[in-house]
Amino acid sequence: MLRVMLASRASGLGPPLIVVAVAGCASTGTAPGRATGGVQPMAISGTTVETYTPDAVYEESVGARESEIWPHLAAVFDQLGVEVTEVKQPQWIMGNPRFRARSLDGQRLSRFVDCGRDFSGVYADQYEVTMTLMVQLLRGQGDGTNVNVLLTGSAQSRSTSGSSVRCTTNRTLEARLVQLIREKLGLGG
């Protein structure tokens, strides 16, 4: 489980710094779709901090430096149909911690997330879905970069009031995002 702590800035100016630590051992490999146990991207907006288990973060290595990937990242989000609302350049974090979507990458949400179903169909395509998509670039081995992607969501019926249901990712969108980064860098799919 991730532990998140707020630490005050030494100057007393600005919002608190976010410190993220992971309980457990760090992995040395970066197999596609696998969390490494290192610092994980967090959806942080104002003073709201959400924590995620390490397995909620998809990680894949790309053979380029953070500074080479960064200029293409906003275009990747745009191609997927996600407006970027948070950019933290010194930490190489970009994304949107709270957006509503009916489709992503020109496809139905059910292609990317499972929010449950009932006799009338899948919730991801029928309910109002609120999602988080955040990316953090972390230095990898050699000249490589580990691209960490967090995709979470919840769905709520448009026709009735009630509690929301949690959506889980099938890792398709995260893999597509990394594929688009590689294409923008000319590294192939």
Protein backbone atom coordinates (compact mmCIF):
# COMPACT_ATOMS: atom_id res chain seq x y z
CA MET A 1 0.00 0.00 0.00
CA LEU A 2 1.29 3.50 -0.73
CA ARG A 3 1.78 5.92 2.11
CA VAL A 4 1.38 9.62 1.39
CA MET A 5 2.61 12.34 3.73
CA LEU A 6 2.31 16.09 3.47
CA ALA A 7 5.50 17.97 4.26
CA SER A 8 5.68 21.75 4.70
CA ARG A 9 7.88 23.77 2.39
CA ALA A 10 10.86 25.25 4.19
CA SER A 11 9.98 28.74 2.96
CA GLY A 12 6.38 28.45 4.14
CA LEU A 13 5.22 29.58 0.69
CA GLY A 14 3.09 27.58 -1.67
CA PRO A 15 1.25 24.31 -1.20
CA PRO A 16 2.77 21.48 0.81
CA LEU A 17 5.14 19.07 -0.87
CA ILE A 18 3.88 15.57 -1.47
CA VAL A 19 6.08 12.71 -0.31
CA VAL A 20 5.16 9.27 -1.56
CA ALA A 21 6.62 6.06 -0.13
CA VAL A 22 5.85 2.46 -0.91
CA ALA A 23 5.91 -0.26 1.70
CA GLY A 24 7.70 -3.37 0.45
CA CYS A 25 10.65 -4.13 -1.74
CA ALA A 26 11.48 -2.39 -4.97
CA SER A 27 11.72 -4.49 -8.08
CA THR A 28 14.68 -4.17 -10.41
CA GLY A 29 12.82 -5.03 -13.62
CA THR A 30 10.37 -3.00 -15.60
CA ALA A 31 8.17 -5.60 -17.22
CA PRO A 32 5.31 -4.01 -19.17
CA GLY A 33 2.27 -3.43 -17.02
CA ARG A 34 4.03 -4.14 -13.77
CA ALA A 35 4.52 -1.78 -10.82
CA THR A 36 8.09 -1.55 -9.62
CA GLY A 37 7.47 -0.43 -6.06
CA GLY A 38 9.20 2.92 -6.63
CA VAL A 39 7.65 6.37 -6.41
CA GLN A 40 4.24 6.14 -8.05
CA PRO A 41 2.32 8.89 -9.85
CA MET A 42 -0.40 10.39 -7.71
CA ALA A 43 -3.52 12.30 -8.59
CA ILE A 44 -2.99 15.47 -6.61
CA SER A 45 -5.27 18.46 -6.92
CA GLY A 46 -5.02 21.28 -4.42
CA THR A 47 -4.91 19.68 -1.00
CA THR A 48 -6.70 16.45 -2.04
CA VAL A 49 -4.42 13.44 -1.98
CA GLU A 50 -5.51 10.00 -3.11
CA THR A 51 -3.49 6.86 -2.43
CA TYR A 52 -3.28 3.80 -4.65
CA THR A 53 -1.87 0.32 -4.23
CA PRO A 54 1.33 -0.23 -6.23
CA ASP A 55 -0.44 -2.63 -8.61
CA ALA A 56 -2.72 0.23 -9.75
CA VAL A 57 0.22 1.76 -11.61
CA TYR A 58 1.23 0.43 -15.04
CA GLU A 59 4.91 0.79 -15.87
CA GLU A 60 6.74 0.30 -19.11
CA SER A 61 10.24 1.30 -20.16
CA VAL A 62 10.87 3.50 -23.21
CA GLY A 63 14.33 3.89 -24.76
CA ALA A 64 14.52 7.68 -24.44
CA ARG A 65 15.22 10.29 -21.77
CA GLU A 66 12.45 12.10 -19.87
CA SER A 67 13.38 15.33 -21.66
CA GLU A 68 12.87 13.64 -25.07
CA ILE A 69 9.47 12.19 -24.12
CA TRP A 70 8.06 15.24 -22.32
CA PRO A 71 7.46 17.47 -25.40
CA HIS A 72 5.27 14.73 -26.95
CA LEU A 73 3.22 13.84 -23.88
CA ALA A 74 0.52 16.54 -24.25
CA ALA A 75 -0.06 15.46 -27.87
CA VAL A 76 -0.49 11.85 -26.70
CA PHE A 77 -3.13 12.92 -24.16
CA ASP A 78 -4.86 14.95 -26.89
CA GLN A 79 -4.88 11.98 -29.25
CA LEU A 80 -6.48 9.84 -26.52
CA GLY A 81 -9.13 12.53 -25.96
CA VAL A 82 -8.04 13.59 -22.47
CA GLU A 83 -7.58 17.26 -21.60
CA VAL A 84 -4.40 17.87 -19.59
CA THR A 85 -5.19 19.85 -16.43
CA GLU A 86 -2.12 19.13 -14.30
CA VAL A 87 1.49 19.60 -15.32
CA LYS A 88 4.33 19.26 -12.84
CA GLN A 89 7.43 19.67 -15.02
CA PRO A 90 10.16 19.23 -12.39
CA GLN A 91 8.60 15.90 -11.36
CA TRP A 92 7.75 14.92 -14.99
CA ILE A 93 4.05 14.46 -14.08
CA MET A 94 1.20 15.21 -16.48
CA GLY A 95 -2.44 14.26 -16.67
CA ASN A 96 -5.96 14.87 -15.51
CA PRO A 97 -6.98 13.69 -12.02
CA ARG A 98 -10.71 14.12 -12.61
CA PHE A 99 -12.40 14.07 -15.99
CA ARG A 100 -15.63 12.69 -17.36
CA ALA A 101 -15.42 10.57 -20.46
CA ARG A 102 -17.78 8.71 -22.78
CA SER A 103 -14.96 7.45 -24.97
CA LEU A 104 -11.17 7.34 -25.09
CA ASP A 105 -8.97 7.07 -28.15
CA GLY A 106 -12.17 7.14 -30.21
CA GLN A 107 -13.47 3.94 -28.60
CA ARG A 108 -16.06 2.97 -25.99
CA LEU A 109 -14.89 3.10 -22.38
CA SER A 110 -15.64 -0.60 -21.90
CA ARG A 111 -12.62 -1.35 -24.10
CA PHE A 112 -10.39 0.09 -21.35
CA VAL A 113 -12.21 -0.24 -18.01
CA ASP A 114 -14.60 -2.60 -16.28
CA CYS A 115 -17.16 -0.88 -14.07
CA GLY A 116 -19.49 -3.87 -13.76
CA ARG A 117 -22.68 -4.81 -15.59
CA ASP A 118 -26.30 -5.73 -15.21
CA PHE A 119 -29.01 -7.18 -17.47
CA SER A 120 -29.04 -4.01 -19.59
CA GLY A 121 -25.31 -3.96 -20.38
CA VAL A 122 -21.93 -2.75 -19.17
CA TYR A 123 -21.81 0.25 -16.84
CA ALA A 124 -18.72 1.78 -18.47
CA ASP A 125 -20.78 2.50 -21.59
CA GLN A 126 -24.04 3.47 -19.84
CA TYR A 127 -23.07 5.27 -16.63
CA GLU A 128 -21.36 8.61 -16.12
CA VAL A 129 -17.70 7.69 -15.67
CA THR A 130 -15.25 9.94 -13.83
CA MET A 131 -11.62 9.02 -14.40
CA THR A 132 -8.05 9.77 -13.41
CA LEU A 133 -5.26 9.46 -15.98
CA MET A 134 -1.83 10.54 -14.74
CA VAL A 135 1.63 9.85 -16.16
CA GLN A 136 4.96 10.19 -14.42
CA LEU A 137 8.30 9.78 -16.21
CA LEU A 138 11.06 8.29 -14.07
CA ARG A 139 14.70 7.74 -14.98
CA GLY A 140 15.24 4.13 -15.97
CA GLN A 141 18.33 2.11 -16.71
CA GLY A 142 20.85 3.63 -19.11
CA ASP A 143 19.20 6.19 -21.36
CA GLY A 144 15.74 4.74 -20.76
CA THR A 145 12.71 6.14 -18.96
CA ASN A 146 10.08 4.27 -17.00
CA VAL A 147 6.66 5.58 -18.01
CA ASN A 148 4.31 5.12 -15.03
CA VAL A 149 0.60 5.40 -15.86
CA LEU A 150 -2.23 5.56 -13.36
CA LEU A 151 -5.76 4.96 -14.69
CA THR A 152 -8.63 4.73 -12.23
CA GLY A 153 -12.30 5.56 -12.34
CA SER A 154 -15.77 5.30 -10.92
CA ALA A 155 -19.17 5.14 -12.57
CA GLN A 156 -22.56 6.38 -11.43
CA SER A 157 -25.96 5.87 -13.02
CA ARG A 158 -27.18 8.86 -15.02
CA SER A 159 -30.83 8.03 -14.32
CA THR A 160 -30.86 7.29 -10.58
CA SER A 161 -29.08 8.68 -7.57
CA GLY A 162 -27.00 6.31 -5.54
CA SER A 163 -23.48 5.30 -4.82
CA SER A 164 -20.87 4.98 -7.52
CA VAL A 165 -19.12 1.79 -8.54
CA ARG A 166 -15.37 1.42 -8.88
CA CYS A 167 -13.92 0.87 -12.34
CA THR A 168 -10.83 -1.26 -12.90
CA THR A 169 -8.46 -1.04 -15.83
CA ASN A 170 -7.60 -3.86 -18.20
CA ARG A 171 -4.29 -2.08 -19.03
CA THR A 172 -5.22 -1.53 -22.69
CA LEU A 173 -5.24 2.28 -22.48
CA GLU A 174 -1.96 2.39 -20.56
CA ALA A 175 -0.26 0.20 -23.18
CA ARG A 176 -1.76 2.37 -25.95
CA LEU A 177 -0.41 5.52 -24.29
CA VAL A 178 3.12 4.07 -24.22
CA GLN A 179 2.74 2.90 -27.82
CA LEU A 180 1.81 6.46 -28.86
CA ILE A 181 4.86 7.84 -27.05
CA ARG A 182 7.08 5.41 -28.96
CA GLU A 183 5.45 6.38 -32.25
CA LYS A 184 5.95 10.11 -31.56
CA LEU A 185 9.64 9.39 -30.84
CA GLY A 186 10.00 7.33 -34.02
CA LEU A 187 10.74 4.18 -32.00
CA GLY A 188 7.97 2.14 -33.64
CA GLY A 189 4.90 0.59 -32.00
